[in-house]
Amino acid sequence: NLIFAMFTALLVLMWVATVCDWAFNLGWGWDRQIIWLAPPMLLFGVFVRFCCMAIFNFFGGNSNGS
């Protein structure tokens, strides 16, 4: 959960900085592709987290404790 939160926070920070740089012409030099790439990256991260949690719950629920 912590790593996913850090990944999400980094993507949001990069997205906000890029949008501010693009909208206000601040000259920070952020690559504008992150505006379009961050949402699919976040969706893929959510998908991977969901799959991992489903696998962990399946194997955790099927273990007999030994």
N, C-alpha and C. Protein backbone atom coordinates (compact mmCIF):
# COMPACT_ATOMS: atom_id res chain seq x y z
N ASN A 1 0.82 -1.20 0.00
CA ASN A 1 0.00 0.00 0.00
C ASN A 1 0.86 1.26 0.00
N LEU A 2 1.96 1.23 0.75
CA LEU A 2 2.84 2.40 0.81
C LEU A 2 3.50 2.66 -0.53
N ILE A 3 3.97 1.62 -1.17
CA ILE A 3 4.63 1.80 -2.47
C ILE A 3 3.62 2.30 -3.50
N PHE A 4 2.41 1.77 -3.48
CA PHE A 4 1.38 2.24 -4.40
C PHE A 4 1.04 3.71 -4.14
N ALA A 5 0.97 4.10 -2.87
CA ALA A 5 0.70 5.50 -2.53
C ALA A 5 1.83 6.41 -3.00
N MET A 6 3.07 5.95 -2.86
CA MET A 6 4.21 6.74 -3.32
C MET A 6 4.20 6.86 -4.84
N PHE A 7 3.88 5.78 -5.54
CA PHE A 7 3.78 5.79 -6.99
C PHE A 7 2.70 6.76 -7.44
N THR A 8 1.55 6.72 -6.80
CA THR A 8 0.45 7.61 -7.13
C THR A 8 0.82 9.06 -6.86
N ALA A 9 1.44 9.32 -5.72
CA ALA A 9 1.83 10.69 -5.38
C ALA A 9 2.85 11.24 -6.37
N LEU A 10 3.79 10.42 -6.79
CA LEU A 10 4.78 10.86 -7.77
C LEU A 10 4.13 11.19 -9.11
N LEU A 11 3.22 10.33 -9.56
CA LEU A 11 2.52 10.59 -10.82
C LEU A 11 1.70 11.87 -10.75
N VAL A 12 1.00 12.07 -9.65
CA VAL A 12 0.18 13.27 -9.51
C VAL A 12 1.07 14.51 -9.46
N LEU A 13 2.18 14.44 -8.75
CA LEU A 13 3.11 15.57 -8.68
C LEU A 13 3.66 15.92 -10.06
N MET A 14 4.08 14.90 -10.80
CA MET A 14 4.60 15.13 -12.15
C MET A 14 3.53 15.69 -13.07
N TRP A 15 2.31 15.18 -12.95
CA TRP A 15 1.22 15.65 -13.80
C TRP A 15 0.88 17.11 -13.50
N VAL A 16 0.77 17.46 -12.21
CA VAL A 16 0.43 18.83 -11.83
C VAL A 16 1.54 19.79 -12.26
N ALA A 17 2.80 19.41 -12.05
CA ALA A 17 3.91 20.28 -12.45
C ALA A 17 3.93 20.48 -13.96
N THR A 18 3.66 19.44 -14.71
CA THR A 18 3.64 19.56 -16.16
C THR A 18 2.49 20.42 -16.65
N VAL A 19 1.32 20.25 -16.07
CA VAL A 19 0.17 21.06 -16.46
C VAL A 19 0.43 22.53 -16.12
N CYS A 20 0.99 22.80 -14.95
CA CYS A 20 1.30 24.19 -14.58
C CYS A 20 2.34 24.78 -15.53
N ASP A 21 3.37 24.00 -15.85
CA ASP A 21 4.40 24.47 -16.77
C ASP A 21 3.81 24.76 -18.15
N TRP A 22 2.92 23.89 -18.61
CA TRP A 22 2.31 24.07 -19.93
C TRP A 22 1.31 25.22 -19.93
N ALA A 23 0.47 25.30 -18.90
CA ALA A 23 -0.60 26.30 -18.88
C ALA A 23 -0.07 27.72 -18.67
N PHE A 24 0.93 27.86 -17.81
CA PHE A 24 1.42 29.19 -17.46
C PHE A 24 2.75 29.53 -18.11
N ASN A 25 3.25 28.65 -18.98
CA ASN A 25 4.51 28.88 -19.70
C ASN A 25 5.63 29.27 -18.73
N LEU A 26 5.85 28.43 -17.72
CA LEU A 26 6.82 28.72 -16.67
C LEU A 26 8.26 28.44 -17.08
N GLY A 27 8.46 27.63 -18.12
CA GLY A 27 9.80 27.35 -18.60
C GLY A 27 10.56 26.33 -17.76
N TRP A 28 9.85 25.47 -17.04
CA TRP A 28 10.51 24.46 -16.21
C TRP A 28 11.08 23.32 -17.04
N GLY A 29 10.59 23.14 -18.23
CA GLY A 29 11.11 22.10 -19.11
C GLY A 29 10.53 20.71 -18.88
N TRP A 30 9.35 20.61 -18.29
CA TRP A 30 8.71 19.32 -18.10
C TRP A 30 8.27 18.76 -19.45
N ASP A 31 8.44 17.48 -19.62
CA ASP A 31 8.02 16.82 -20.85
C ASP A 31 6.50 16.74 -20.89
N ARG A 32 5.90 17.28 -21.92
CA ARG A 32 4.43 17.37 -21.99
C ARG A 32 3.76 16.03 -22.20
N GLN A 33 4.50 15.00 -22.56
CA GLN A 33 3.89 13.69 -22.77
C GLN A 33 3.32 13.12 -21.47
N ILE A 34 3.83 13.56 -20.31
CA ILE A 34 3.33 13.01 -19.04
C ILE A 34 1.86 13.39 -18.83
N ILE A 35 1.41 14.48 -19.47
CA ILE A 35 0.00 14.87 -19.35
C ILE A 35 -0.90 13.74 -19.86
N TRP A 36 -0.46 13.11 -20.94
CA TRP A 36 -1.27 12.05 -21.54
C TRP A 36 -0.87 10.67 -21.05
N LEU A 37 0.34 10.51 -20.55
CA LEU A 37 0.80 9.19 -20.12
C LEU A 37 0.50 8.88 -18.65
N ALA A 38 0.37 9.88 -17.83
CA ALA A 38 0.14 9.63 -16.39
C ALA A 38 -1.18 8.90 -16.12
N PRO A 39 -2.31 9.28 -16.72
CA PRO A 39 -3.55 8.54 -16.44
C PRO A 39 -3.48 7.05 -16.80
N PRO A 40 -2.96 6.66 -17.99
CA PRO A 40 -2.84 5.22 -18.25
C PRO A 40 -1.86 4.52 -17.32
N MET A 41 -0.79 5.22 -16.93
CA MET A 41 0.16 4.62 -15.99
C MET A 41 -0.51 4.36 -14.65
N LEU A 42 -1.33 5.30 -14.19
CA LEU A 42 -2.03 5.12 -12.93
C LEU A 42 -3.06 3.99 -13.03
N LEU A 43 -3.77 3.92 -14.15
CA LEU A 43 -4.73 2.83 -14.33
C LEU A 43 -4.05 1.47 -14.35
N PHE A 44 -2.89 1.39 -15.00
CA PHE A 44 -2.13 0.14 -15.01
C PHE A 44 -1.65 -0.21 -13.61
N GLY A 45 -1.22 0.79 -12.84
CA GLY A 45 -0.81 0.54 -11.45
C GLY A 45 -1.95 0.03 -10.60
N VAL A 46 -3.14 0.59 -10.79
CA VAL A 46 -4.32 0.13 -10.06
C VAL A 46 -4.66 -1.31 -10.46
N PHE A 47 -4.55 -1.61 -11.75
CA PHE A 47 -4.83 -2.97 -12.23
C PHE A 47 -3.84 -3.97 -11.63
N VAL A 48 -2.57 -3.63 -11.63
CA VAL A 48 -1.56 -4.53 -11.07
C VAL A 48 -1.79 -4.72 -9.57
N ARG A 49 -2.11 -3.66 -8.86
CA ARG A 49 -2.37 -3.77 -7.41
C ARG A 49 -3.59 -4.65 -7.16
N PHE A 50 -4.64 -4.47 -7.95
CA PHE A 50 -5.84 -5.28 -7.80
C PHE A 50 -5.54 -6.76 -8.03
N CYS A 51 -4.79 -7.05 -9.09
CA CYS A 51 -4.43 -8.45 -9.38
C CYS A 51 -3.57 -9.04 -8.27
N CYS A 52 -2.61 -8.28 -7.79
CA CYS A 52 -1.75 -8.79 -6.71
C CYS A 52 -2.55 -9.05 -5.45
N MET A 53 -3.44 -8.13 -5.11
CA MET A 53 -4.25 -8.32 -3.90
C MET A 53 -5.17 -9.54 -4.06
N ALA A 54 -5.72 -9.75 -5.25
CA ALA A 54 -6.58 -10.91 -5.48
C ALA A 54 -5.78 -12.21 -5.34
N ILE A 55 -4.57 -12.23 -5.89
CA ILE A 55 -3.73 -13.43 -5.79
C ILE A 55 -3.33 -13.69 -4.35
N PHE A 56 -2.92 -12.63 -3.64
CA PHE A 56 -2.51 -12.80 -2.24
C PHE A 56 -3.67 -13.26 -1.37
N ASN A 57 -4.88 -12.72 -1.61
CA ASN A 57 -6.04 -13.15 -0.84
C ASN A 57 -6.42 -14.59 -1.16
N PHE A 58 -6.29 -14.99 -2.42
CA PHE A 58 -6.62 -16.36 -2.80
C PHE A 58 -5.70 -17.34 -2.11
N PHE A 59 -4.41 -17.10 -2.18
CA PHE A 59 -3.46 -18.02 -1.55
C PHE A 59 -3.46 -17.93 -0.04
N GLY A 60 -3.72 -16.73 0.49
CA GLY A 60 -3.80 -16.57 1.94
C GLY A 60 -5.02 -17.26 2.51
N GLY A 61 -6.13 -17.25 1.77
CA GLY A 61 -7.35 -17.89 2.24
C GLY A 61 -7.33 -19.40 2.09
N ASN A 62 -6.47 -19.93 1.20
CA ASN A 62 -6.40 -21.35 0.96
C ASN A 62 -5.30 -22.04 1.76
N SER A 63 -4.51 -21.28 2.49
CA SER A 63 -3.45 -21.94 3.26
C SER A 63 -4.06 -22.56 4.52
N ASN A 64 -3.47 -23.68 4.92
CA ASN A 64 -3.98 -24.36 6.10
C ASN A 64 -3.23 -23.97 7.37
N GLY A 65 -2.35 -23.00 7.27
CA GLY A 65 -1.67 -22.51 8.45
C GLY A 65 -0.42 -23.27 8.83
N SER A 66 -0.02 -24.27 8.05
CA SER A 66 1.20 -25.00 8.41
C SER A 66 2.33 -24.71 7.47
